[in-house]
Amino acid sequence: MDDFQLGRVLDEKDLGVTNTSTLSWELHIQSITAKVNKLLGLLKWTCPLLKDVSVRRTLYLSLVRSQLSYATHVWLQAQVGLKAKIERVQRRATRWILHLHKWYSTNIARQRSTRKLN
């Protein structure tokens, strides 16, 4: 093309999904979890007196979960370690919604709280 060479890039963000030259989803999931953690922190900071679980759930679904679930069909086959990062954020959000303490993280408790949210 008229002696114009295109430069090589290591990653490209297109339609909100970060693609890397190695086809790894690590950078994409890092950016999603960072963004969602900021949103969840904002909710915790601005709504400390909000006690109604249904309102907290609605805020989570509209602001946080929507970011997590965007384009999941593309990157859902990510490595187990990357999925664990997303699940960690979801557990943190569940504790906020249901007013649970950080130590409340056994498998049975997690399953009960997840059922309450559905």
PDB file of N, CA and C in Angstrom:
ATOM      1  N   MET A   1       0.829  -1.178   0.000  1.00  0.00           N
ATOM      2  CA  MET A   1       0.000   0.000   0.000  1.00  0.00           C
ATOM      3  C   MET A   1       0.873   1.240   0.000  1.00  0.00           C
ATOM      4  N   ASP A   2       1.414   1.581  -1.078  1.00  0.00           N
ATOM      5  CA  ASP A   2       2.244   2.782  -1.234  1.00  0.00           C
ATOM      6  C   ASP A   2       3.376   2.827  -0.216  1.00  0.00           C
ATOM      7  N   ASP A   3       4.039   1.712   0.004  1.00  0.00           N
ATOM      8  CA  ASP A   3       5.174   1.597   0.915  1.00  0.00           C
ATOM      9  C   ASP A   3       4.856   2.021   2.347  1.00  0.00           C
ATOM     10  N   PHE A   4       3.634   1.828   2.761  1.00  0.00           N
ATOM     11  CA  PHE A   4       3.233   2.132   4.140  1.00  0.00           C
ATOM     12  C   PHE A   4       3.067   0.824   4.898  1.00  0.00           C
ATOM     13  N   GLN A   5       3.843   0.667   5.951  1.00  0.00           N
ATOM     14  CA  GLN A   5       3.768  -0.558   6.728  1.00  0.00           C
ATOM     15  C   GLN A   5       2.921  -0.343   7.980  1.00  0.00           C
ATOM     16  N   LEU A   6       2.091  -1.301   8.247  1.00  0.00           N
ATOM     17  CA  LEU A   6       1.279  -1.255   9.453  1.00  0.00           C
ATOM     18  C   LEU A   6       2.113  -1.716  10.639  1.00  0.00           C
ATOM     19  N   GLY A   7       1.929  -1.064  11.741  1.00  0.00           N
ATOM     20  CA  GLY A   7       2.658  -1.436  12.953  1.00  0.00           C
ATOM     21  C   GLY A   7       1.999  -2.618  13.649  1.00  0.00           C
ATOM     22  N   ARG A   8       2.787  -3.363  14.366  1.00  0.00           N
ATOM     23  CA  ARG A   8       2.282  -4.508  15.110  1.00  0.00           C
ATOM     24  C   ARG A   8       1.854  -4.032  16.499  1.00  0.00           C
ATOM     25  N   VAL A   9       0.700  -4.494  16.939  1.00  0.00           N
ATOM     26  CA  VAL A   9       0.209  -4.155  18.268  1.00  0.00           C
ATOM     27  C   VAL A   9       0.078  -5.430  19.099  1.00  0.00           C
ATOM     28  N   LEU A  10       0.228  -5.282  20.399  1.00  0.00           N
ATOM     29  CA  LEU A  10       0.120  -6.441  21.282  1.00  0.00           C
ATOM     30  C   LEU A  10      -1.318  -6.697  21.721  1.00  0.00           C
ATOM     31  N   ASP A  11      -2.106  -5.630  21.803  1.00  0.00           N
ATOM     32  CA  ASP A  11      -3.513  -5.808  22.166  1.00  0.00           C
ATOM     33  C   ASP A  11      -4.349  -4.729  21.497  1.00  0.00           C
ATOM     34  N   GLU A  12      -5.615  -5.056  21.313  1.00  0.00           N
ATOM     35  CA  GLU A  12      -6.553  -4.150  20.655  1.00  0.00           C
ATOM     36  C   GLU A  12      -7.905  -4.292  21.333  1.00  0.00           C
ATOM     37  N   LYS A  13      -8.524  -3.178  21.663  1.00  0.00           N
ATOM     38  CA  LYS A  13      -9.854  -3.207  22.270  1.00  0.00           C
ATOM     39  C   LYS A  13     -10.872  -2.857  21.194  1.00  0.00           C
ATOM     40  N   ASP A  14     -11.765  -3.786  20.940  1.00  0.00           N
ATOM     41  CA  ASP A  14     -12.775  -3.601  19.905  1.00  0.00           C
ATOM     42  C   ASP A  14     -14.130  -4.002  20.472  1.00  0.00           C
ATOM     43  N   LEU A  15     -15.089  -3.098  20.420  1.00  0.00           N
ATOM     44  CA  LEU A  15     -16.427  -3.313  20.962  1.00  0.00           C
ATOM     45  C   LEU A  15     -16.400  -3.709  22.439  1.00  0.00           C
ATOM     46  N   GLY A  16     -15.454  -3.181  23.179  1.00  0.00           N
ATOM     47  CA  GLY A  16     -15.364  -3.439  24.603  1.00  0.00           C
ATOM     48  C   GLY A  16     -14.671  -4.726  24.981  1.00  0.00           C
ATOM     49  N   VAL A  17     -14.165  -5.465  24.016  1.00  0.00           N
ATOM     50  CA  VAL A  17     -13.472  -6.728  24.279  1.00  0.00           C
ATOM     51  C   VAL A  17     -12.012  -6.560  23.882  1.00  0.00           C
ATOM     52  N   THR A  18     -11.107  -6.848  24.814  1.00  0.00           N
ATOM     53  CA  THR A  18      -9.680  -6.697  24.557  1.00  0.00           C
ATOM     54  C   THR A  18      -9.116  -7.990  23.994  1.00  0.00           C
ATOM     55  N   ASN A  19      -8.585  -7.919  22.789  1.00  0.00           N
ATOM     56  CA  ASN A  19      -7.942  -9.060  22.142  1.00  0.00           C
ATOM     57  C   ASN A  19      -6.437  -8.850  22.189  1.00  0.00           C
ATOM     58  N   THR A  20      -5.709  -9.917  22.485  1.00  0.00           N
ATOM     59  CA  THR A  20      -4.257  -9.820  22.509  1.00  0.00           C
ATOM     60  C   THR A  20      -3.673 -10.620  21.352  1.00  0.00           C
ATOM     61  N   SER A  21      -2.416 -10.381  21.070  1.00  0.00           N
ATOM     62  CA  SER A  21      -1.760 -11.096  19.974  1.00  0.00           C
ATOM     63  C   SER A  21      -1.586 -12.573  20.291  1.00  0.00           C
ATOM     64  N   THR A  22      -1.624 -12.933  21.570  1.00  0.00           N
ATOM     65  CA  THR A  22      -1.486 -14.340  21.971  1.00  0.00           C
ATOM     66  C   THR A  22      -2.841 -15.007  22.184  1.00  0.00           C
ATOM     67  N   LEU A  23      -3.907 -14.291  21.922  1.00  0.00           N
ATOM     68  CA  LEU A  23      -5.282 -14.769  22.100  1.00  0.00           C
ATOM     69  C   LEU A  23      -5.567 -15.179  23.543  1.00  0.00           C
ATOM     70  N   SER A  24      -4.973 -14.484  24.474  1.00  0.00           N
ATOM     71  CA  SER A  24      -5.212 -14.708  25.892  1.00  0.00           C
ATOM     72  C   SER A  24      -6.256 -13.703  26.364  1.00  0.00           C
ATOM     73  N   TRP A  25      -7.103 -14.130  27.279  1.00  0.00           N
ATOM     74  CA  TRP A  25      -8.145 -13.245  27.787  1.00  0.00           C
ATOM     75  C   TRP A  25      -7.764 -12.603  29.110  1.00  0.00           C
ATOM     76  N   GLU A  26      -6.534 -12.787  29.532  1.00  0.00           N
ATOM     77  CA  GLU A  26      -6.103 -12.276  30.835  1.00  0.00           C
ATOM     78  C   GLU A  26      -6.222 -10.757  30.915  1.00  0.00           C
ATOM     79  N   LEU A  27      -5.776 -10.043  29.905  1.00  0.00           N
ATOM     80  CA  LEU A  27      -5.846  -8.577  29.916  1.00  0.00           C
ATOM     81  C   LEU A  27      -7.296  -8.103  29.943  1.00  0.00           C
ATOM     82  N   HIS A  28      -8.149  -8.774  29.195  1.00  0.00           N
ATOM     83  CA  HIS A  28      -9.565  -8.409  29.153  1.00  0.00           C
ATOM     84  C   HIS A  28     -10.221  -8.615  30.523  1.00  0.00           C
ATOM     85  N   ILE A  29      -9.974  -9.758  31.137  1.00  0.00           N
ATOM     86  CA  ILE A  29     -10.590 -10.056  32.425  1.00  0.00           C
ATOM     87  C   ILE A  29     -10.014  -9.167  33.511  1.00  0.00           C
ATOM     88  N   GLN A  30      -8.740  -8.825  33.412  1.00  0.00           N
ATOM     89  CA  GLN A  30      -8.155  -7.875  34.371  1.00  0.00           C
ATOM     90  C   GLN A  30      -8.850  -6.527  34.283  1.00  0.00           C
ATOM     91  N   SER A  31      -9.093  -6.057  33.072  1.00  0.00           N
ATOM     92  CA  SER A  31      -9.736  -4.749  32.924  1.00  0.00           C
ATOM     93  C   SER A  31     -11.189  -4.792  33.384  1.00  0.00           C
ATOM     94  N   ILE A  32     -11.878  -5.892  33.129  1.00  0.00           N
ATOM     95  CA  ILE A  32     -13.268  -6.024  33.577  1.00  0.00           C
ATOM     96  C   ILE A  32     -13.335  -6.042  35.102  1.00  0.00           C
ATOM     97  N   THR A  33     -12.499  -6.871  35.718  1.00  0.00           N
ATOM     98  CA  THR A  33     -12.554  -6.971  37.184  1.00  0.00           C
ATOM     99  C   THR A  33     -12.136  -5.657  37.850  1.00  0.00           C
ATOM    100  N   ALA A  34     -11.193  -4.953  37.268  1.00  0.00           N
ATOM    101  CA  ALA A  34     -10.801  -3.654  37.824  1.00  0.00           C
ATOM    102  C   ALA A  34     -11.967  -2.667  37.743  1.00  0.00           C
ATOM    103  N   LYS A  35     -12.642  -2.640  36.607  1.00  0.00           N
ATOM    104  CA  LYS A  35     -13.764  -1.733  36.420  1.00  0.00           C
ATOM    105  C   LYS A  35     -14.909  -2.078  37.369  1.00  0.00           C
ATOM    106  N   VAL A  36     -15.204  -3.357  37.494  1.00  0.00           N
ATOM    107  CA  VAL A  36     -16.305  -3.803  38.339  1.00  0.00           C
ATOM    108  C   VAL A  36     -15.979  -3.584  39.820  1.00  0.00           C
ATOM    109  N   ASN A  37     -14.736  -3.799  40.205  1.00  0.00           N
ATOM    110  CA  ASN A  37     -14.349  -3.535  41.589  1.00  0.00           C
ATOM    111  C   ASN A  37     -14.516  -2.059  41.931  1.00  0.00           C
ATOM    112  N   LYS A  38     -14.209  -1.181  40.989  1.00  0.00           N
ATOM    113  CA  LYS A  38     -14.411   0.248  41.213  1.00  0.00           C
ATOM    114  C   LYS A  38     -15.892   0.568  41.371  1.00  0.00           C
ATOM    115  N   LEU A  39     -16.733  -0.027  40.517  1.00  0.00           N
ATOM    116  CA  LEU A  39     -18.173   0.204  40.620  1.00  0.00           C
ATOM    117  C   LEU A  39     -18.733  -0.315  41.934  1.00  0.00           C
ATOM    118  N   LEU A  40     -18.281  -1.501  42.330  1.00  0.00           N
ATOM    119  CA  LEU A  40     -18.757  -2.073  43.586  1.00  0.00           C
ATOM    120  C   LEU A  40     -18.280  -1.237  44.775  1.00  0.00           C
ATOM    121  N   GLY A  41     -17.062  -0.758  44.722  1.00  0.00           N
ATOM    122  CA  GLY A  41     -16.561   0.131  45.768  1.00  0.00           C
ATOM    123  C   GLY A  41     -17.352   1.422  45.833  1.00  0.00           C
ATOM    124  N   LEU A  42     -17.713   1.949  44.683  1.00  0.00           N
ATOM    125  CA  LEU A  42     -18.535   3.158  44.641  1.00  0.00           C
ATOM    126  C   LEU A  42     -19.892   2.912  45.277  1.00  0.00           C
ATOM    127  N   LEU A  43     -20.495   1.765  44.969  1.00  0.00           N
ATOM    128  CA  LEU A  43     -21.787   1.436  45.576  1.00  0.00           C
ATOM    129  C   LEU A  43     -21.667   1.315  47.096  1.00  0.00           C
ATOM    130  N   LYS A  44     -20.619   0.653  47.551  1.00  0.00           N
ATOM    131  CA  LYS A  44     -20.420   0.498  48.998  1.00  0.00           C
ATOM    132  C   LYS A  44     -20.219   1.851  49.669  1.00  0.00           C
ATOM    133  N   TRP A  45     -19.513   2.732  49.006  1.00  0.00           N
ATOM    134  CA  TRP A  45     -19.174   4.018  49.590  1.00  0.00           C
ATOM    135  C   TRP A  45     -20.361   4.981  49.577  1.00  0.00           C
ATOM    136  N   THR A  46     -21.141   4.965  48.495  1.00  0.00           N
ATOM    137  CA  THR A  46     -22.238   5.927  48.361  1.00  0.00           C
ATOM    138  C   THR A  46     -23.552   5.438  48.961  1.00  0.00           C
ATOM    139  N   CYS A  47     -23.675   4.139  49.199  1.00  0.00           N
ATOM    140  CA  CYS A  47     -24.938   3.603  49.716  1.00  0.00           C
ATOM    141  C   CYS A  47     -24.748   2.814  51.005  1.00  0.00           C
ATOM    142  N   PRO A  48     -24.049   3.344  51.998  1.00  0.00           N
ATOM    143  CA  PRO A  48     -23.823   2.545  53.216  1.00  0.00           C
ATOM    144  C   PRO A  48     -25.093   2.348  54.046  1.00  0.00           C
ATOM    145  N   LEU A  49     -26.031   3.263  53.937  1.00  0.00           N
ATOM    146  CA  LEU A  49     -27.250   3.169  54.725  1.00  0.00           C
ATOM    147  C   LEU A  49     -28.367   2.433  54.000  1.00  0.00           C
ATOM    148  N   LEU A  50     -28.123   2.035  52.795  1.00  0.00           N
ATOM    149  CA  LEU A  50     -29.111   1.300  52.007  1.00  0.00           C
ATOM    150  C   LEU A  50     -29.162  -0.135  52.522  1.00  0.00           C
ATOM    151  N   LYS A  51     -30.265  -0.521  53.151  1.00  0.00           N
ATOM    152  CA  LYS A  51     -30.368  -1.835  53.784  1.00  0.00           C
ATOM    153  C   LYS A  51     -31.278  -2.802  53.027  1.00  0.00           C
ATOM    154  N   ASP A  52     -32.088  -2.304  52.126  1.00  0.00           N
ATOM    155  CA  ASP A  52     -33.036  -3.155  51.413  1.00  0.00           C
ATOM    156  C   ASP A  52     -32.291  -4.044  50.410  1.00  0.00           C
ATOM    157  N   VAL A  53     -32.415  -5.358  50.592  1.00  0.00           N
ATOM    158  CA  VAL A  53     -31.690  -6.320  49.758  1.00  0.00           C
ATOM    159  C   VAL A  53     -32.142  -6.240  48.304  1.00  0.00           C
ATOM    160  N   SER A  54     -33.420  -6.035  48.064  1.00  0.00           N
ATOM    161  CA  SER A  54     -33.907  -5.994  46.676  1.00  0.00           C
ATOM    162  C   SER A  54     -33.360  -4.769  45.929  1.00  0.00           C
ATOM    163  N   VAL A  55     -33.210  -3.649  46.622  1.00  0.00           N
ATOM    164  CA  VAL A  55     -32.640  -2.456  45.986  1.00  0.00           C
ATOM    165  C   VAL A  55     -31.158  -2.675  45.713  1.00  0.00           C
ATOM    166  N   ARG A  56     -30.450  -3.259  46.682  1.00  0.00           N
ATOM    167  CA  ARG A  56     -29.033  -3.555  46.478  1.00  0.00           C
ATOM    168  C   ARG A  56     -28.847  -4.520  45.316  1.00  0.00           C
ATOM    169  N   ARG A  57     -29.717  -5.520  45.232  1.00  0.00           N
ATOM    170  CA  ARG A  57     -29.641  -6.493  44.142  1.00  0.00           C
ATOM    171  C   ARG A  57     -29.867  -5.813  42.793  1.00  0.00           C
ATOM    172  N   THR A  58     -30.846  -4.913  42.744  1.00  0.00           N
ATOM    173  CA  THR A  58     -31.122  -4.188  41.497  1.00  0.00           C
ATOM    174  C   THR A  58     -29.932  -3.327  41.083  1.00  0.00           C
ATOM    175  N   LEU A  59     -29.320  -2.651  42.047  1.00  0.00           N
ATOM    176  CA  LEU A  59     -28.128  -1.852  41.750  1.00  0.00           C
ATOM    177  C   LEU A  59     -26.995  -2.744  41.227  1.00  0.00           C
ATOM    178  N   TYR A  60     -26.809  -3.887  41.878  1.00  0.00           N
ATOM    179  CA  TYR A  60     -25.760  -4.817  41.441  1.00  0.00           C
ATOM    180  C   TYR A  60     -26.029  -5.300  40.017  1.00  0.00           C
ATOM    181  N   LEU A  61     -27.250  -5.734  39.752  1.00  0.00           N
ATOM    182  CA  LEU A  61     -27.561  -6.272  38.424  1.00  0.00           C
ATOM    183  C   LEU A  61     -27.407  -5.222  37.332  1.00  0.00           C
ATOM    184  N   SER A  62     -27.832  -4.003  37.620  1.00  0.00           N
ATOM    185  CA  SER A  62     -27.794  -2.978  36.570  1.00  0.00           C
ATOM    186  C   SER A  62     -26.406  -2.380  36.366  1.00  0.00           C
ATOM    187  N   LEU A  63     -25.643  -2.211  37.435  1.00  0.00           N
ATOM    188  CA  LEU A  63     -24.349  -1.538  37.305  1.00  0.00           C
ATOM    189  C   LEU A  63     -23.158  -2.494  37.218  1.00  0.00           C
ATOM    190  N   VAL A  64     -23.163  -3.544  38.019  1.00  0.00           N
ATOM    191  CA  VAL A  64     -21.995  -4.410  38.120  1.00  0.00           C
ATOM    192  C   VAL A  64     -22.124  -5.636  37.220  1.00  0.00           C
ATOM    193  N   ARG A  65     -23.195  -6.378  37.376  1.00  0.00           N
ATOM    194  CA  ARG A  65     -23.354  -7.631  36.629  1.00  0.00           C
ATOM    195  C   ARG A  65     -23.421  -7.393  35.133  1.00  0.00           C
ATOM    196  N   SER A  66     -24.007  -6.287  34.732  1.00  0.00           N
ATOM    197  CA  SER A  66     -24.072  -5.986  33.302  1.00  0.00           C
ATOM    198  C   SER A  66     -22.681  -5.858  32.700  1.00  0.00           C
ATOM    199  N   GLN A  67     -21.742  -5.307  33.473  1.00  0.00           N
ATOM    200  CA  GLN A  67     -20.358  -5.197  33.001  1.00  0.00           C
ATOM    201  C   GLN A  67     -19.686  -6.568  32.941  1.00  0.00           C
ATOM    202  N   LEU A  68     -19.968  -7.399  33.931  1.00  0.00           N
ATOM    203  CA  LEU A  68     -19.363  -8.728  33.976  1.00  0.00           C
ATOM    204  C   LEU A  68     -19.872  -9.633  32.859  1.00  0.00           C
ATOM    205  N   SER A  69     -21.131  -9.507  32.525  1.00  0.00           N
ATOM    206  CA  SER A  69     -21.715 -10.438  31.565  1.00  0.00           C
ATOM    207  C   SER A  69     -21.622  -9.970  30.112  1.00  0.00           C
ATOM    208  N   TYR A  70     -21.055  -8.802  29.879  1.00  0.00           N
ATOM    209  CA  TYR A  70     -20.944  -8.310  28.511  1.00  0.00           C
ATOM    210  C   TYR A  70     -19.975  -9.177  27.710  1.00  0.00           C
ATOM    211  N   ALA A  71     -20.419  -9.689  26.602  1.00  0.00           N
ATOM    212  CA  ALA A  71     -19.629 -10.484  25.651  1.00  0.00           C
ATOM    213  C   ALA A  71     -19.040 -11.746  26.270  1.00  0.00           C
ATOM    214  N   THR A  72     -19.753 -12.349  27.219  1.00  0.00           N
ATOM    215  CA  THR A  72     -19.225 -13.560  27.852  1.00  0.00           C
ATOM    216  C   THR A  72     -19.118 -14.722  26.879  1.00  0.00           C
ATOM    217  N   HIS A  73     -19.962 -14.737  25.861  1.00  0.00           N
ATOM    218  CA  HIS A  73     -19.881 -15.842  24.896  1.00  0.00           C
ATOM    219  C   HIS A  73     -18.551 -15.845  24.148  1.00  0.00           C
ATOM    220  N   VAL A  74     -17.856 -14.729  24.137  1.00  0.00           N
ATOM    221  CA  VAL A  74     -16.561 -14.653  23.467  1.00  0.00           C
ATOM    222  C   VAL A  74     -15.446 -15.172  24.370  1.00  0.00           C
ATOM    223  N   TRP A  75     -15.418 -14.728  25.615  1.00  0.00           N
ATOM    224  CA  TRP A  75     -14.292 -15.058  26.495  1.00  0.00           C
ATOM    225  C   TRP A  75     -14.628 -16.067  27.585  1.00  0.00           C
ATOM    226  N   LEU A  76     -15.802 -16.700  27.519  1.00  0.00           N
ATOM    227  CA  LEU A  76     -16.228 -17.621  28.561  1.00  0.00           C
ATOM    228  C   LEU A  76     -15.327 -18.843  28.686  1.00  0.00           C
ATOM    229  N   GLN A  77     -14.651 -19.222  27.613  1.00  0.00           N
ATOM    230  CA  GLN A  77     -13.786 -20.394  27.649  1.00  0.00           C
ATOM    231  C   GLN A  77     -12.402 -20.081  28.217  1.00  0.00           C
ATOM    232  N   ALA A  78     -12.316 -19.045  29.018  1.00  0.00           N
ATOM    233  CA  ALA A  78     -11.036 -18.634  29.598  1.00  0.00           C
ATOM    234  C   ALA A  78     -10.546 -19.676  30.598  1.00  0.00           C
ATOM    235  N   GLN A  79      -9.306 -19.523  30.995  1.00  0.00           N
ATOM    236  CA  GLN A  79      -8.704 -20.446  31.946  1.00  0.00           C
ATOM    237  C   GLN A  79      -9.401 -20.369  33.298  1.00  0.00           C
ATOM    238  N   VAL A  80      -9.262 -21.430  34.058  1.00  0.00           N
ATOM    239  CA  VAL A  80      -9.920 -21.519  35.357  1.00  0.00           C
ATOM    240  C   VAL A  80      -9.467 -20.389  36.286  1.00  0.00           C
ATOM    241  N   GLY A  81      -8.201 -20.048  36.275  1.00  0.00           N
ATOM    242  CA  GLY A  81      -7.695 -18.975  37.121  1.00  0.00           C
ATOM    243  C   GLY A  81      -8.327 -17.635  36.805  1.00  0.00           C
ATOM    244  N   LEU A  82      -8.619 -17.407  35.539  1.00  0.00           N
ATOM    245  CA  LEU A  82      -9.250 -16.144  35.150  1.00  0.00           C
ATOM    246  C   LEU A  82     -10.711 -16.116  35.574  1.00  0.00           C
ATOM    247  N   LYS A  83     -11.382 -17.253  35.485  1.00  0.00           N
ATOM    248  CA  LYS A  83     -12.765 -17.319  35.937  1.00  0.00           C
ATOM    249  C   LYS A  83     -12.848 -17.099  37.440  1.00  0.00           C
ATOM    250  N   ALA A  84     -11.819 -17.549  38.156  1.00  0.00           N
ATOM    251  CA  ALA A  84     -11.799 -17.376  39.613  1.00  0.00           C
ATOM    252  C   ALA A  84     -11.774 -15.897  39.988  1.00  0.00           C
ATOM    253  N   LYS A  85     -11.118 -15.077  39.190  1.00  0.00           N
ATOM    254  CA  LYS A  85     -11.088 -13.630  39.460  1.00  0.00           C
ATOM    255  C   LYS A  85     -12.487 -13.040  39.376  1.00  0.00           C
ATOM    256  N   ILE A  86     -13.244 -13.482  38.394  1.00  0.00           N
ATOM    257  CA  ILE A  86     -14.606 -12.976  38.223  1.00  0.00           C
ATOM    258  C   ILE A  86     -15.498 -13.483  39.351  1.00  0.00           C
ATOM    259  N   GLU A  87     -15.337 -14.739  39.714  1.00  0.00           N
ATOM    260  CA  GLU A  87     -16.134 -15.295  40.803  1.00  0.00           C
ATOM    261  C   GLU A  87     -15.828 -14.600  42.128  1.00  0.00           C
ATOM    262  N   ARG A  88     -14.590 -14.184  42.324  1.00  0.00           N
ATOM    263  CA  ARG A  88     -14.203 -13.455  43.535  1.00  0.00           C
ATOM    264  C   ARG A  88     -14.980 -12.138  43.637  1.00  0.00           C
ATOM    265  N   VAL A  89     -15.111 -11.449  42.513  1.00  0.00           N
ATOM    266  CA  VAL A  89     -15.864 -10.191  42.498  1.00  0.00           C
ATOM    267  C   VAL A  89     -17.333 -10.463  42.789  1.00  0.00           C
ATOM    268  N   GLN A  90     -17.863 -11.536  42.226  1.00  0.00           N
ATOM    269  CA  GLN A  90     -19.274 -11.860  42.453  1.00  0.00           C
ATOM    270  C   GLN A  90     -19.533 -12.237  43.912  1.00  0.00           C
ATOM    271  N   ARG A  91     -18.605 -12.939  44.535  1.00  0.00           N
ATOM    272  CA  ARG A  91     -18.751 -13.266  45.953  1.00  0.00           C
ATOM    273  C   ARG A  91     -18.738 -11.998  46.806  1.00  0.00           C
ATOM    274  N   ARG A  92     -17.847 -11.081  46.442  1.00  0.00           N
ATOM    275  CA  ARG A  92     -17.771  -9.815  47.161  1.00  0.00           C
ATOM    276  C   ARG A  92     -19.086  -9.041  47.030  1.00  0.00           C
ATOM    277  N   ALA A  93     -19.661  -9.051  45.845  1.00  0.00           N
ATOM    278  CA  ALA A  93     -20.936  -8.366  45.615  1.00  0.00           C
ATOM    279  C   ALA A  93     -22.063  -9.052  46.381  1.00  0.00           C
ATOM    280  N   THR A  94     -22.043 -10.364  46.435  1.00  0.00           N
ATOM    281  CA  THR A  94     -23.066 -11.102  47.173  1.00  0.00           C
ATOM    282  C   THR A  94     -23.017 -10.748  48.656  1.00  0.00           C
ATOM    283  N   ARG A  95     -21.807 -10.662  49.203  1.00  0.00           N
ATOM    284  CA  ARG A  95     -21.675 -10.272  50.610  1.00  0.00           C
ATOM    285  C   ARG A  95     -22.235  -8.872  50.840  1.00  0.00           C
ATOM    286  N   TRP A  96     -22.008  -7.956  49.893  1.00  0.00           N
ATOM    287  CA  TRP A  96     -22.522  -6.596  50.038  1.00  0.00           C
ATOM    288  C   TRP A  96     -24.046  -6.586  49.960  1.00  0.00           C
ATOM    289  N   ILE A  97     -24.593  -7.313  49.019  1.00  0.00           N
ATOM    290  CA  ILE A  97     -26.049  -7.324  48.841  1.00  0.00           C
ATOM    291  C   ILE A  97     -26.746  -7.878  50.074  1.00  0.00           C
ATOM    292  N   LEU A  98     -26.234  -8.975  50.607  1.00  0.00           N
ATOM    293  CA  LEU A  98     -26.900  -9.664  51.712  1.00  0.00           C
ATOM    294  C   LEU A  98     -26.397  -9.236  53.092  1.00  0.00           C
ATOM    295  N   HIS A  99     -25.559  -8.218  53.161  1.00  0.00           N
ATOM    296  CA  HIS A  99     -25.017  -7.710  54.426  1.00  0.00           C
ATOM    297  C   HIS A  99     -24.241  -8.789  55.175  1.00  0.00           C
ATOM    298  N   LEU A 100     -23.405  -9.523  54.486  1.00  0.00           N
ATOM    299  CA  LEU A 100     -22.639 -10.599  55.111  1.00  0.00           C
ATOM    300  C   LEU A 100     -21.214 -10.124  55.377  1.00  0.00           C
ATOM    301  N   HIS A 101     -20.571 -10.732  56.337  1.00  0.00           N
ATOM    302  CA  HIS A 101     -19.188 -10.401  56.654  1.00  0.00           C
ATOM    303  C   HIS A 101     -18.243 -11.203  55.769  1.00  0.00           C
ATOM    304  N   LYS A 102     -17.018 -10.758  55.696  1.00  0.00           N
ATOM    305  CA  LYS A 102     -16.031 -11.409  54.836  1.00  0.00           C
ATOM    306  C   LYS A 102     -15.782 -12.864  55.232  1.00  0.00           C
ATOM    307  N   TRP A 103     -15.874 -13.179  56.504  1.00  0.00           N
ATOM    308  CA  TRP A 103     -15.613 -14.539  56.957  1.00  0.00           C
ATOM    309  C   TRP A 103     -16.715 -15.496  56.553  1.00  0.00           C
ATOM    310  N   TYR A 104     -17.828 -14.974  56.041  1.00  0.00           N
ATOM    311  CA  TYR A 104     -18.961 -15.790  55.625  1.00  0.00           C
ATOM    312  C   TYR A 104     -18.697 -16.313  54.215  1.00  0.00           C
ATOM    313  N   SER A 105     -17.845 -17.316  54.091  1.00  0.00           N
ATOM    314  CA  SER A 105     -17.477 -17.743  52.739  1.00  0.00           C
ATOM    315  C   SER A 105     -17.370 -19.252  52.585  1.00  0.00           C
ATOM    316  N   THR A 106     -18.048 -20.030  53.416  1.00  0.00           N
ATOM    317  CA  THR A 106     -18.023 -21.472  53.216  1.00  0.00           C
ATOM    318  C   THR A 106     -18.873 -21.835  52.019  1.00  0.00           C
ATOM    319  N   ASN A 107     -18.678 -23.018  51.495  1.00  0.00           N
ATOM    320  CA  ASN A 107     -19.419 -23.432  50.299  1.00  0.00           C
ATOM    321  C   ASN A 107     -20.920 -23.465  50.540  1.00  0.00           C
ATOM    322  N   ILE A 108     -21.343 -23.976  51.678  1.00  0.00           N
ATOM    323  CA  ILE A 108     -22.774 -24.060  51.964  1.00  0.00           C
ATOM    324  C   ILE A 108     -23.374 -22.668  52.058  1.00  0.00           C
ATOM    325  N   ALA A 109     -22.693 -21.778  52.747  1.00  0.00           N
ATOM    326  CA  ALA A 109     -23.177 -20.409  52.879  1.00  0.00           C
ATOM    327  C   ALA A 109     -23.239 -19.729  51.519  1.00  0.00           C
ATOM    328  N   ARG A 110     -22.243 -19.975  50.683  1.00  0.00           N
ATOM    329  CA  ARG A 110     -22.226 -19.405  49.343  1.00  0.00           C
ATOM    330  C   ARG A 110     -23.406 -19.890  48.526  1.00  0.00           C
ATOM    331  N   GLN A 111     -23.703 -21.176  48.622  1.00  0.00           N
ATOM    332  CA  GLN A 111     -24.813 -21.730  47.859  1.00  0.00           C
ATOM    333  C   GLN A 111     -26.139 -21.159  48.338  1.00  0.00           C
ATOM    334  N   ARG A 112     -26.302 -21.024  49.655  1.00  0.00           N
ATOM    335  CA  ARG A 112     -27.546 -20.453  50.189  1.00  0.00           C
ATOM    336  C   ARG A 112     -27.715 -19.015  49.745  1.00  0.00           C
ATOM    337  N   SER A 113     -26.649 -18.236  49.825  1.00  0.00           N
ATOM    338  CA  SER A 113     -26.774 -16.825  49.455  1.00  0.00           C
ATOM    339  C   SER A 113     -27.016 -16.674  47.961  1.00  0.00           C
ATOM    340  N   THR A 114     -26.444 -17.544  47.139  1.00  0.00           N
ATOM    341  CA  THR A 114     -26.682 -17.484  45.698  1.00  0.00           C
ATOM    342  C   THR A 114     -28.147 -17.809  45.389  1.00  0.00           C
ATOM    343  N   ARG A 115     -28.706 -18.770  46.101  1.00  0.00           N
ATOM    344  CA  ARG A 115     -30.134 -19.104  45.905  1.00  0.00           C
ATOM    345  C   ARG A 115     -31.012 -17.929  46.283  1.00  0.00           C
ATOM    346  N   LYS A 116     -30.644 -17.187  47.324  1.00  0.00           N
ATOM    347  CA  LYS A 116     -31.435 -16.038  47.740  1.00  0.00           C
ATOM    348  C   LYS A 116     -31.479 -14.958  46.667  1.00  0.00           C
ATOM    349  N   LEU A 117     -30.383 -14.842  45.906  1.00  0.00           N
ATOM    350  CA  LEU A 117     -30.302 -13.797  44.886  1.00  0.00           C
ATOM    351  C   LEU A 117     -31.076 -14.146  43.627  1.00  0.00           C
ATOM    352  N   ASN A 118     -31.263 -15.414  43.360  1.00  0.00           N
ATOM    353  CA  ASN A 118     -31.958 -15.824  42.117  1.00  0.00           C
ATOM    354  C   ASN A 118     -33.435 -15.767  42.228  1.00  0.00           C
TER     355      ASN A 118
END
